[in-house]
Amino acid sequence: MHTESGGKKGAVTRVTGAAAGAGALAGLSIARAAHAAGSDLIRIGLVGCGGRGTGAAHNALSTDQNVRLVAMGDAFAARLEGSLRSLAAQHGEASDKIDVPADRQFVGLDCCRRVAECDVDAVLVCSPPGFRPLEFETVIEAGRHAFLEKPICVDAPGYRRVLATNAKAKEKGLAVAVGHHLRHERKHIEPIALVHDGAIGEVRCLRVYFNSSGVWVRPRQPGQSEMEHQVSNWYYFNWLSGDHIVEQHVHDLDVANWIMQGPPQKANGMGGRQVRIGPEYGEIFDHHSVEFEYSGGVRCYSFCRHIPNTWESFSEHAHGTAGSLDIQGHGSSELRADGQEPRRWSRDTIGHQVEMDRLFAAIAEGTPHNEGQYGAEASMTAILGRMATYSGQEVTWEEAVASELDLTPEGGYTWDADPQPEPGPDGIYPCAIPGVTRAV
């Protein structure tokens, strides 16, 4: 599920041949080279075979393009095997869409490197977010198109690394998609375009929510090392997930950035953990409340929570001088402009599929496709929010992106590395203390 630091192979993609077809294919994108070679087959690899990774692979195989899954990798064998069984069941045991023999099934923390070295055109990077910056770099260095599940970094050094890699992807003509599926749903696209056109006047305030009862837990298993336990139960450790404000609420914060056409200037907030405090919940908070300030003094009030039996909402709201917009993440949207009948949109498209349709159409056609900039800014916005809640301080965007606080485990991404934090004698992991914790 992760590559270790060191030299990258830089393998040439399947479609261009060992020497990129000499001068004949020089300057062509990888997809155009594929058509020049007379093949429309797009071979993909999957890294990170959990629920979202399996879902992403299913969406990729369900596009109108000729896509075949030929390599898979995960930190744990059981997860890879379960994903392969699920995909085979969905697409048929005899389907030519799946061809992943044992020698192209890779287990371990270096599985991304091994998948990227295979004869693939694109890699779906769906392992825990903390691995994303180095895995993205690995995929682009190997000359592969990339789909990155969100978020795409968990700290500022990772953000800067992602931006550098994205610039290399553009230079190479490689497509980059990021799993912000709301960007591909009509109920978001059309009303936000109207907001940009002034339909609700000047935007003065935003509200965004990801309040839920929480997600899965994977308790420690007998014989697991600390590194194995944290990678398995990755959601609850900042170096892997960034906290749920980064891993989940990033969707809503991306919508806020989309509406405001850029990231915020600063943030302050508060948060903590009150209910989900057992050893199984690692170090993350169970609630965050952040006030982001955008250009022009526009405030965005951000709330996310992992507490059972409380009010749940996955939604985004914009209030302007002449109306308002309300969007339900998995529901409908409504725009109310002063003096007009409300306009409503239903969720008639599922963004997870549409984002893959657009990515693989771009690969097949050889047209530019890059979502890396807004994907990185959304992740960094959520990291800024975490910095504010963990420290209890007001943090500016400039301070946040310049931070040298690196969450990478001491010893790197290896099974014998020393991840932080360590559990106390009672098994409870320490968490951030506002006013004490350094978060920038």
Protein backbone atom coordinates (compact mmCIF):
# COMPACT_ATOMS: atom_id res chain seq x y z
CA MET A 1 0.00 0.00 0.00
CA HIS A 2 2.99 2.27 -0.01
CA THR A 3 6.34 2.64 -1.61
CA GLU A 4 9.51 3.10 0.35
CA SER A 5 11.85 5.96 -0.41
CA GLY A 6 14.54 5.32 -2.94
CA GLY A 7 15.09 5.25 -6.67
CA LYS A 8 12.10 4.93 -8.93
CA LYS A 9 12.14 2.63 -11.93
CA GLY A 10 10.59 5.16 -14.32
CA ALA A 11 9.23 2.31 -16.48
CA VAL A 12 7.87 3.23 -19.89
CA THR A 13 4.18 2.59 -20.32
CA ARG A 14 2.88 -0.45 -22.16
CA VAL A 15 1.46 1.48 -25.07
CA THR A 16 4.58 3.40 -26.07
CA GLY A 17 7.03 0.52 -26.19
CA ALA A 18 10.48 0.24 -24.67
CA ALA A 19 11.85 3.38 -26.31
CA ALA A 20 8.60 5.32 -26.76
CA GLY A 21 8.49 4.43 -30.44
CA ALA A 22 11.66 6.45 -31.11
CA GLY A 23 10.84 9.77 -32.76
CA ALA A 24 7.50 8.76 -34.26
CA LEU A 25 5.61 9.08 -30.98
CA ALA A 26 7.64 11.94 -29.55
CA GLY A 27 5.40 14.59 -28.02
CA LEU A 28 2.28 12.41 -28.06
CA SER A 29 0.38 11.81 -24.84
CA ILE A 30 0.31 8.24 -23.62
CA ALA A 31 -3.29 7.81 -24.80
CA ARG A 32 -2.54 9.14 -28.30
CA ALA A 33 0.44 6.80 -28.48
CA ALA A 34 -1.92 3.93 -27.65
CA HIS A 35 -4.12 4.76 -30.63
CA ALA A 36 -1.08 5.22 -32.83
CA ALA A 37 -0.06 1.69 -31.86
CA GLY A 38 -3.52 0.45 -32.86
CA SER A 39 -4.85 -0.51 -29.42
CA ASP A 40 -7.74 0.95 -27.45
CA LEU A 41 -7.21 -1.24 -24.36
CA ILE A 42 -6.50 0.68 -21.15
CA ARG A 43 -4.80 -1.55 -18.58
CA ILE A 44 -5.13 -0.46 -14.95
CA GLY A 45 -3.70 -1.33 -11.57
CA LEU A 46 -5.37 -0.89 -8.18
CA VAL A 47 -3.44 0.08 -5.04
CA GLY A 48 -5.43 -0.11 -1.81
CA CYS A 49 -8.12 -2.79 -1.96
CA GLY A 50 -10.52 -1.66 0.74
CA GLY A 51 -14.12 -0.67 0.16
CA ARG A 52 -13.37 2.60 -1.64
CA GLY A 53 -10.60 1.07 -3.72
CA THR A 54 -12.83 -1.81 -4.76
CA GLY A 55 -15.59 0.67 -5.59
CA ALA A 56 -13.22 2.81 -7.65
CA ALA A 57 -12.05 -0.24 -9.62
CA HIS A 58 -15.67 -1.24 -10.24
CA ASN A 59 -16.44 2.28 -11.52
CA ALA A 60 -13.37 2.21 -13.78
CA LEU A 61 -14.39 -1.15 -15.24
CA SER A 62 -17.95 0.15 -15.77
CA THR A 63 -17.03 3.01 -18.09
CA ASP A 64 -17.67 2.93 -21.85
CA GLN A 65 -13.94 2.50 -22.50
CA ASN A 66 -12.06 -0.77 -22.98
CA VAL A 67 -10.61 -1.04 -19.46
CA ARG A 68 -8.99 -4.11 -17.94
CA LEU A 69 -7.75 -4.60 -14.37
CA VAL A 70 -4.40 -6.39 -14.56
CA ALA A 71 -2.59 -5.71 -11.25
CA MET A 72 -3.54 -5.18 -7.61
CA GLY A 73 -1.71 -4.29 -4.41
CA ASP A 74 -2.52 -3.91 -0.74
CA ALA A 75 -0.71 -3.98 2.58
CA PHE A 76 -2.70 -7.09 3.56
CA ALA A 77 -3.31 -10.23 1.53
CA ALA A 78 -6.82 -10.85 2.86
CA ARG A 79 -7.98 -7.42 1.73
CA LEU A 80 -6.60 -7.91 -1.77
CA GLU A 81 -8.16 -11.35 -2.08
CA GLY A 82 -11.54 -10.09 -0.89
CA SER A 83 -11.47 -7.20 -3.34
CA LEU A 84 -10.61 -9.49 -6.25
CA ARG A 85 -13.48 -11.84 -5.36
CA SER A 86 -15.90 -8.92 -5.14
CA LEU A 87 -14.86 -7.48 -8.50
CA ALA A 88 -15.03 -10.89 -10.16
CA ALA A 89 -18.55 -11.36 -8.78
CA GLN A 90 -19.63 -7.97 -10.12
CA HIS A 91 -18.11 -8.35 -13.55
CA GLY A 92 -18.30 -12.12 -14.08
CA GLU A 93 -15.70 -14.81 -13.45
CA ALA A 94 -15.18 -15.22 -17.21
CA SER A 95 -15.05 -11.48 -17.93
CA ASP A 96 -12.07 -10.19 -19.89
CA LYS A 97 -12.21 -7.06 -17.74
CA ILE A 98 -10.25 -8.74 -14.95
CA ASP A 99 -6.92 -10.48 -15.47
CA VAL A 100 -4.97 -10.44 -12.20
CA PRO A 101 -2.95 -13.66 -11.85
CA ALA A 102 -0.97 -14.42 -8.69
CA ASP A 103 2.22 -12.87 -10.07
CA ARG A 104 0.46 -9.51 -10.41
CA GLN A 105 -0.97 -9.52 -6.87
CA PHE A 106 1.37 -7.59 -4.57
CA VAL A 107 1.20 -7.54 -0.79
CA GLY A 108 3.16 -5.19 1.46
CA LEU A 109 3.95 -1.54 1.97
CA ASP A 110 5.88 -1.37 -1.32
CA CYS A 111 2.97 -2.64 -3.41
CA CYS A 112 2.42 0.66 -5.24
CA ARG A 113 5.90 0.56 -6.72
CA ARG A 114 5.36 -3.02 -7.83
CA VAL A 115 1.97 -2.28 -9.40
CA ALA A 116 3.36 0.78 -11.20
CA GLU A 117 6.19 -1.35 -12.63
CA CYS A 118 3.65 -3.65 -14.26
CA ASP A 119 2.42 -3.30 -17.84
CA VAL A 120 -0.28 -0.74 -16.94
CA ASP A 121 -1.48 2.57 -18.35
CA ALA A 122 -3.14 3.95 -15.21
CA VAL A 123 -3.09 3.30 -11.47
CA LEU A 124 -5.96 3.83 -9.03
CA VAL A 125 -4.34 5.00 -5.78
CA CYS A 126 -6.81 4.22 -2.99
CA SER A 127 -4.63 3.28 -0.02
CA PRO A 128 -4.77 5.33 3.22
CA PRO A 129 -4.25 9.05 2.55
CA GLY A 130 -0.93 9.31 4.38
CA PHE A 131 0.65 7.19 1.66
CA ARG A 132 -0.79 9.29 -1.15
CA PRO A 133 2.00 11.86 -1.79
CA LEU A 134 4.73 9.25 -2.26
CA GLU A 135 2.48 6.85 -4.15
CA PHE A 136 1.37 9.64 -6.49
CA GLU A 137 5.02 10.44 -7.10
CA THR A 138 5.75 6.76 -7.77
CA VAL A 139 2.94 6.48 -10.32
CA ILE A 140 3.88 9.65 -12.21
CA GLU A 141 7.58 8.80 -12.23
CA ALA A 142 6.62 5.47 -13.82
CA GLY A 143 4.71 7.33 -16.54
CA ARG A 144 1.21 6.19 -15.56
CA HIS A 145 -2.04 8.11 -15.45
CA ALA A 146 -3.37 8.44 -11.89
CA PHE A 147 -6.65 8.38 -10.02
CA LEU A 148 -6.15 9.56 -6.44
CA GLU A 149 -8.84 8.95 -3.87
CA LYS A 150 -9.33 11.94 -1.61
CA PRO A 151 -7.77 13.37 0.49
CA ILE A 152 -4.40 13.45 -1.22
CA CYS A 153 -2.21 14.53 1.70
CA VAL A 154 -2.37 14.75 5.51
CA ASP A 155 0.26 17.41 6.27
CA ALA A 156 1.88 20.44 4.67
CA PRO A 157 5.04 18.65 3.45
CA GLY A 158 2.73 16.16 1.71
CA TYR A 159 0.77 19.03 0.16
CA ARG A 160 3.90 20.57 -1.29
CA ARG A 161 5.04 17.18 -2.58
CA VAL A 162 1.69 16.57 -4.29
CA LEU A 163 1.85 19.96 -6.03
CA ALA A 164 5.36 19.21 -7.31
CA THR A 165 4.28 15.80 -8.60
CA ASN A 166 1.19 17.28 -10.23
CA ALA A 167 3.40 19.72 -12.14
CA LYS A 168 5.43 16.75 -13.41
CA ALA A 169 2.22 14.99 -14.48
CA LYS A 170 1.25 18.01 -16.57
CA GLU A 171 4.70 18.11 -18.16
CA LYS A 172 4.36 14.44 -19.11
CA GLY A 173 0.82 14.79 -20.42
CA LEU A 174 -0.51 12.36 -17.81
CA ALA A 175 -4.11 12.51 -16.64
CA VAL A 176 -4.75 13.05 -12.92
CA ALA A 177 -8.18 12.62 -11.33
CA VAL A 178 -9.06 13.11 -7.66
CA GLY A 179 -11.97 11.44 -5.89
CA HIS A 180 -14.05 14.55 -5.22
CA HIS A 181 -17.16 13.00 -6.72
CA LEU A 182 -19.38 15.98 -5.83
CA ARG A 183 -17.53 17.94 -8.52
CA HIS A 184 -19.16 15.59 -11.05
CA GLU A 185 -22.78 15.74 -9.88
CA ARG A 186 -25.36 17.91 -11.62
CA LYS A 187 -26.93 18.94 -8.31
CA HIS A 188 -23.63 20.67 -7.47
CA ILE A 189 -22.38 21.75 -10.88
CA GLU A 190 -25.41 23.67 -12.13
CA PRO A 191 -26.39 25.63 -8.99
CA ILE A 192 -22.78 26.54 -8.16
CA ALA A 193 -22.37 27.87 -11.71
CA LEU A 194 -25.46 30.03 -11.10
CA VAL A 195 -23.98 31.28 -7.81
CA HIS A 196 -20.83 32.27 -9.71
CA ASP A 197 -23.08 34.13 -12.16
CA GLY A 198 -24.61 36.12 -9.30
CA ALA A 199 -27.91 34.25 -8.85
CA ILE A 200 -27.90 34.75 -5.06
CA GLY A 201 -26.05 38.05 -5.12
CA GLU A 202 -22.75 38.42 -3.31
CA VAL A 203 -21.92 35.42 -1.16
CA ARG A 204 -21.56 36.53 2.45
CA CYS A 205 -21.56 33.29 4.45
CA LEU A 206 -21.13 29.53 4.01
CA ARG A 207 -22.04 26.57 6.23
CA VAL A 208 -20.71 23.04 5.67
CA TYR A 209 -21.36 19.83 7.63
CA PHE A 210 -20.19 16.24 7.86
CA ASN A 211 -21.85 15.09 11.07
CA SER A 212 -22.27 11.32 11.44
CA SER A 213 -22.11 8.49 13.95
CA GLY A 214 -18.67 7.49 12.72
CA VAL A 215 -17.13 4.77 10.60
CA TRP A 216 -15.71 1.26 10.95
CA VAL A 217 -13.23 0.14 13.62
CA ARG A 218 -10.63 -2.63 13.26
CA PRO A 219 -9.55 -3.75 16.74
CA ARG A 220 -5.99 -4.82 17.41
CA GLN A 221 -5.36 -8.46 16.55
CA PRO A 222 -3.13 -10.87 18.51
CA GLY A 223 0.47 -10.71 17.37
CA GLN A 224 0.14 -7.44 15.46
CA SER A 225 2.99 -4.98 15.69
CA GLU A 226 2.13 -1.35 16.38
CA MET A 227 2.77 -0.51 12.73
CA GLU A 228 0.54 -3.34 11.51
CA HIS A 229 -2.25 -2.30 13.88
CA GLN A 230 -2.12 1.35 12.86
CA VAL A 231 -2.07 0.59 9.13
CA SER A 232 -5.00 -1.80 9.57
CA ASN A 233 -6.99 0.63 11.74
CA TRP A 234 -5.74 3.58 9.72
CA TYR A 235 -8.72 5.89 10.08
CA TYR A 236 -7.80 6.75 13.67
CA PHE A 237 -4.19 7.89 13.22
CA ASN A 238 -3.26 11.29 11.82
CA TRP A 239 -0.26 10.16 9.80
CA LEU A 240 -2.60 7.84 7.90
CA SER A 241 -5.95 9.67 7.73
CA GLY A 242 -5.34 13.24 8.86
CA ASP A 243 -8.32 12.93 11.28
CA HIS A 244 -11.89 12.78 10.01
CA ILE A 245 -11.93 16.51 9.28
CA VAL A 246 -9.37 15.70 6.56
CA GLU A 247 -10.50 12.23 5.50
CA GLN A 248 -14.26 12.91 5.31
CA HIS A 249 -15.13 16.57 5.78
CA VAL A 250 -12.72 17.39 2.94
CA HIS A 251 -15.68 16.85 0.57
CA ASP A 252 -17.61 19.77 2.05
CA LEU A 253 -14.55 21.99 2.33
CA ASP A 254 -13.82 21.36 -1.33
CA VAL A 255 -17.33 22.58 -2.15
CA ALA A 256 -16.70 25.72 -0.07
CA ASN A 257 -13.48 26.35 -2.02
CA TRP A 258 -15.37 25.68 -5.26
CA ILE A 259 -18.03 28.26 -4.40
CA MET A 260 -15.41 30.79 -3.30
CA GLN A 261 -13.12 29.93 -6.25
CA GLY A 262 -10.09 29.41 -4.06
CA PRO A 263 -8.91 28.37 -0.59
CA PRO A 264 -9.45 30.34 2.64
CA GLN A 265 -7.05 32.90 4.05
CA LYS A 266 -7.11 31.72 7.67
CA ALA A 267 -8.98 29.64 10.23
CA ASN A 268 -9.70 29.33 13.93
CA GLY A 269 -11.65 26.62 15.69
CA MET A 270 -12.15 24.19 18.51
CA GLY A 271 -12.59 20.47 18.89
CA GLY A 272 -11.85 17.45 21.01
CA ARG A 273 -12.94 13.93 21.81
CA GLN A 274 -15.64 13.16 24.30
CA VAL A 275 -17.34 9.93 23.24
CA ARG A 276 -15.03 7.94 20.96
CA ILE A 277 -12.06 7.72 23.32
CA GLY A 278 -11.28 3.98 23.63
CA PRO A 279 -8.04 2.37 22.43
CA GLU A 280 -9.74 1.43 19.16
CA TYR A 281 -10.24 5.13 18.28
CA GLY A 282 -6.56 6.03 18.18
CA GLU A 283 -5.71 9.71 18.53
CA ILE A 284 -8.28 11.60 16.43
CA PHE A 285 -10.94 14.01 17.71
CA ASP A 286 -14.62 13.08 17.53
CA HIS A 287 -15.74 16.66 16.81
CA HIS A 288 -14.37 19.80 15.10
CA SER A 289 -15.87 23.26 14.65
CA VAL A 290 -13.94 25.71 12.46
CA GLU A 291 -14.48 29.25 11.20
CA PHE A 292 -12.68 29.70 7.88
CA GLU A 293 -12.24 33.19 6.47
CA TYR A 294 -12.13 33.67 2.69
CA SER A 295 -11.27 36.74 0.64
CA GLY A 296 -13.56 39.68 1.20
CA GLY A 297 -14.17 38.60 4.79
CA VAL A 298 -16.59 35.81 3.84
CA ARG A 299 -16.88 33.27 6.66
CA CYS A 300 -17.43 29.55 6.28
CA TYR A 301 -18.70 27.77 9.39
CA SER A 302 -17.54 24.17 9.31
CA PHE A 303 -18.79 21.35 11.52
CA CYS A 304 -17.89 17.66 11.54
CA ARG A 305 -18.62 15.01 14.15
CA HIS A 306 -18.30 11.28 14.82
CA ILE A 307 -20.75 10.76 17.68
CA PRO A 308 -23.68 8.30 17.68
CA ASN A 309 -27.25 9.41 18.44
CA THR A 310 -26.68 13.00 17.33
CA TRP A 311 -27.99 15.14 14.46
CA GLU A 312 -26.47 13.98 11.17
CA SER A 313 -25.86 16.11 8.11
CA PHE A 314 -23.70 15.89 4.99
CA SER A 315 -24.45 19.21 3.33
CA GLU A 316 -23.22 22.56 2.06
CA HIS A 317 -24.98 25.93 2.20
CA ALA A 318 -24.27 29.37 0.72
CA HIS A 319 -26.01 32.59 1.80
CA GLY A 320 -25.87 35.65 -0.42
CA THR A 321 -27.22 39.17 -0.49
CA ALA A 322 -30.05 38.07 -2.80
CA GLY A 323 -30.74 34.44 -1.94
CA SER A 324 -29.29 31.14 -0.79
CA LEU A 325 -28.22 27.68 -1.95
CA ASP A 326 -28.66 24.43 0.00
CA ILE A 327 -27.07 21.17 -1.20
CA GLN A 328 -27.47 17.76 0.42
CA GLY A 329 -24.39 15.64 -0.23
CA HIS A 330 -26.37 12.50 -1.07
CA GLY A 331 -29.67 14.19 -1.84
CA SER A 332 -30.95 17.17 -3.77
CA SER A 333 -30.16 20.87 -3.99
CA GLU A 334 -32.28 24.01 -3.93
CA LEU A 335 -31.45 27.56 -4.96
CA ARG A 336 -33.72 30.34 -3.71
CA ALA A 337 -33.24 33.75 -5.33
CA ASP A 338 -35.19 36.73 -4.04
CA GLY A 339 -38.46 37.23 -5.91
CA GLN A 340 -38.19 33.96 -7.87
CA GLU A 341 -39.53 30.47 -7.54
CA PRO A 342 -37.01 28.05 -5.97
CA ARG A 343 -34.98 25.95 -8.41
CA ARG A 344 -34.29 22.34 -7.49
CA TRP A 345 -31.94 19.59 -8.71
CA SER A 346 -32.09 15.91 -7.86
CA ARG A 347 -29.13 13.58 -7.60
CA ASP A 348 -29.64 11.97 -10.98
CA THR A 349 -25.94 11.21 -11.48
CA ILE A 350 -23.57 9.49 -9.06
CA GLY A 351 -20.27 11.27 -9.10
CA HIS A 352 -18.17 8.19 -8.35
CA GLN A 353 -19.09 6.80 -11.78
CA VAL A 354 -19.03 10.08 -13.68
CA GLU A 355 -15.53 10.97 -12.48
CA MET A 356 -14.27 7.66 -13.89
CA ASP A 357 -16.23 8.11 -17.12
CA ARG A 358 -14.53 11.46 -17.66
CA LEU A 359 -11.06 10.26 -16.66
CA PHE A 360 -11.04 7.25 -18.96
CA ALA A 361 -12.62 9.15 -21.83
CA ALA A 362 -9.77 11.66 -21.53
CA ILE A 363 -7.18 8.87 -21.48
CA ALA A 364 -8.75 7.19 -24.52
CA GLU A 365 -8.98 10.47 -26.44
CA GLY A 366 -5.61 11.83 -25.34
CA THR A 367 -7.13 15.06 -24.02
CA PRO A 368 -5.82 16.94 -20.96
CA HIS A 369 -7.42 16.04 -17.65
CA ASN A 370 -6.02 17.26 -14.33
CA GLU A 371 -7.82 17.72 -11.01
CA GLY A 372 -4.68 17.84 -8.89
CA GLN A 373 -4.72 21.53 -7.98
CA TYR A 374 -8.18 21.74 -6.45
CA GLY A 375 -7.73 18.27 -4.92
CA ALA A 376 -4.57 19.41 -3.15
CA GLU A 377 -6.13 22.70 -2.04
CA ALA A 378 -9.14 20.90 -0.56
CA SER A 379 -6.89 18.58 1.44
CA MET A 380 -4.77 21.50 2.64
CA THR A 381 -7.90 23.42 3.65
CA ALA A 382 -8.93 20.51 5.86
CA ILE A 383 -5.39 20.29 7.28
CA LEU A 384 -5.59 24.02 8.06
CA GLY A 385 -8.82 23.33 9.97
CA ARG A 386 -7.15 20.54 11.94
CA MET A 387 -4.23 22.79 12.76
CA ALA A 388 -6.66 25.36 14.16
CA THR A 389 -8.66 22.88 16.28
CA TYR A 390 -5.62 21.00 17.57
CA SER A 391 -3.69 24.13 18.56
CA GLY A 392 -6.54 26.41 19.57
CA GLN A 393 -4.82 29.18 17.60
CA GLU A 394 -5.75 31.23 14.58
CA VAL A 395 -3.70 29.89 11.66
CA THR A 396 -3.20 31.61 8.32
CA TRP A 397 -3.05 29.78 4.98
CA GLU A 398 0.55 30.94 4.51
CA GLU A 399 1.58 29.61 7.92
CA ALA A 400 -0.16 26.31 7.28
CA VAL A 401 1.32 25.57 3.84
CA ALA A 402 4.82 26.51 5.04
CA SER A 403 4.65 24.14 8.02
CA GLU A 404 7.50 21.65 8.36
CA LEU A 405 5.51 19.39 10.71
CA ASP A 406 5.86 16.02 8.96
CA LEU A 407 3.67 13.16 10.19
CA THR A 408 5.70 10.44 8.43
CA PRO A 409 6.67 7.65 10.88
CA GLU A 410 10.25 7.59 12.03
CA GLY A 411 11.92 4.98 9.87
CA GLY A 412 9.65 5.65 6.88
CA TYR A 413 6.98 3.43 5.39
CA THR A 414 8.23 0.01 6.46
CA TRP A 415 6.77 -2.62 8.75
CA ASP A 416 9.54 -2.03 11.31
CA ALA A 417 9.01 1.76 11.41
CA ASP A 418 8.04 3.52 14.64
CA PRO A 419 4.63 5.19 14.13
CA GLN A 420 3.36 7.81 16.52
CA PRO A 421 1.61 8.15 18.83
CA GLU A 422 2.19 5.19 21.12
CA PRO A 423 -0.61 3.92 23.39
CA GLY A 424 -0.42 4.56 27.11
CA PRO A 425 -0.42 1.82 29.79
CA ASP A 426 -4.22 1.62 29.57
CA GLY A 427 -4.08 1.28 25.78
CA ILE A 428 -5.46 4.80 25.26
CA TYR A 429 -3.64 6.96 22.72
CA PRO A 430 -2.92 10.59 23.64
CA CYS A 431 -4.62 13.24 21.53
CA ALA A 432 -3.99 16.91 20.79
CA ILE A 433 -4.55 19.44 23.60
CA PRO A 434 -5.57 22.92 22.42
CA GLY A 435 -3.28 25.57 23.86
CA VAL A 436 -0.50 23.01 24.30
CA THR A 437 -0.15 21.04 21.06
CA ARG A 438 2.03 22.40 18.29
CA ALA A 439 0.02 21.86 15.13
CA VAL A 440 1.86 24.03 12.59
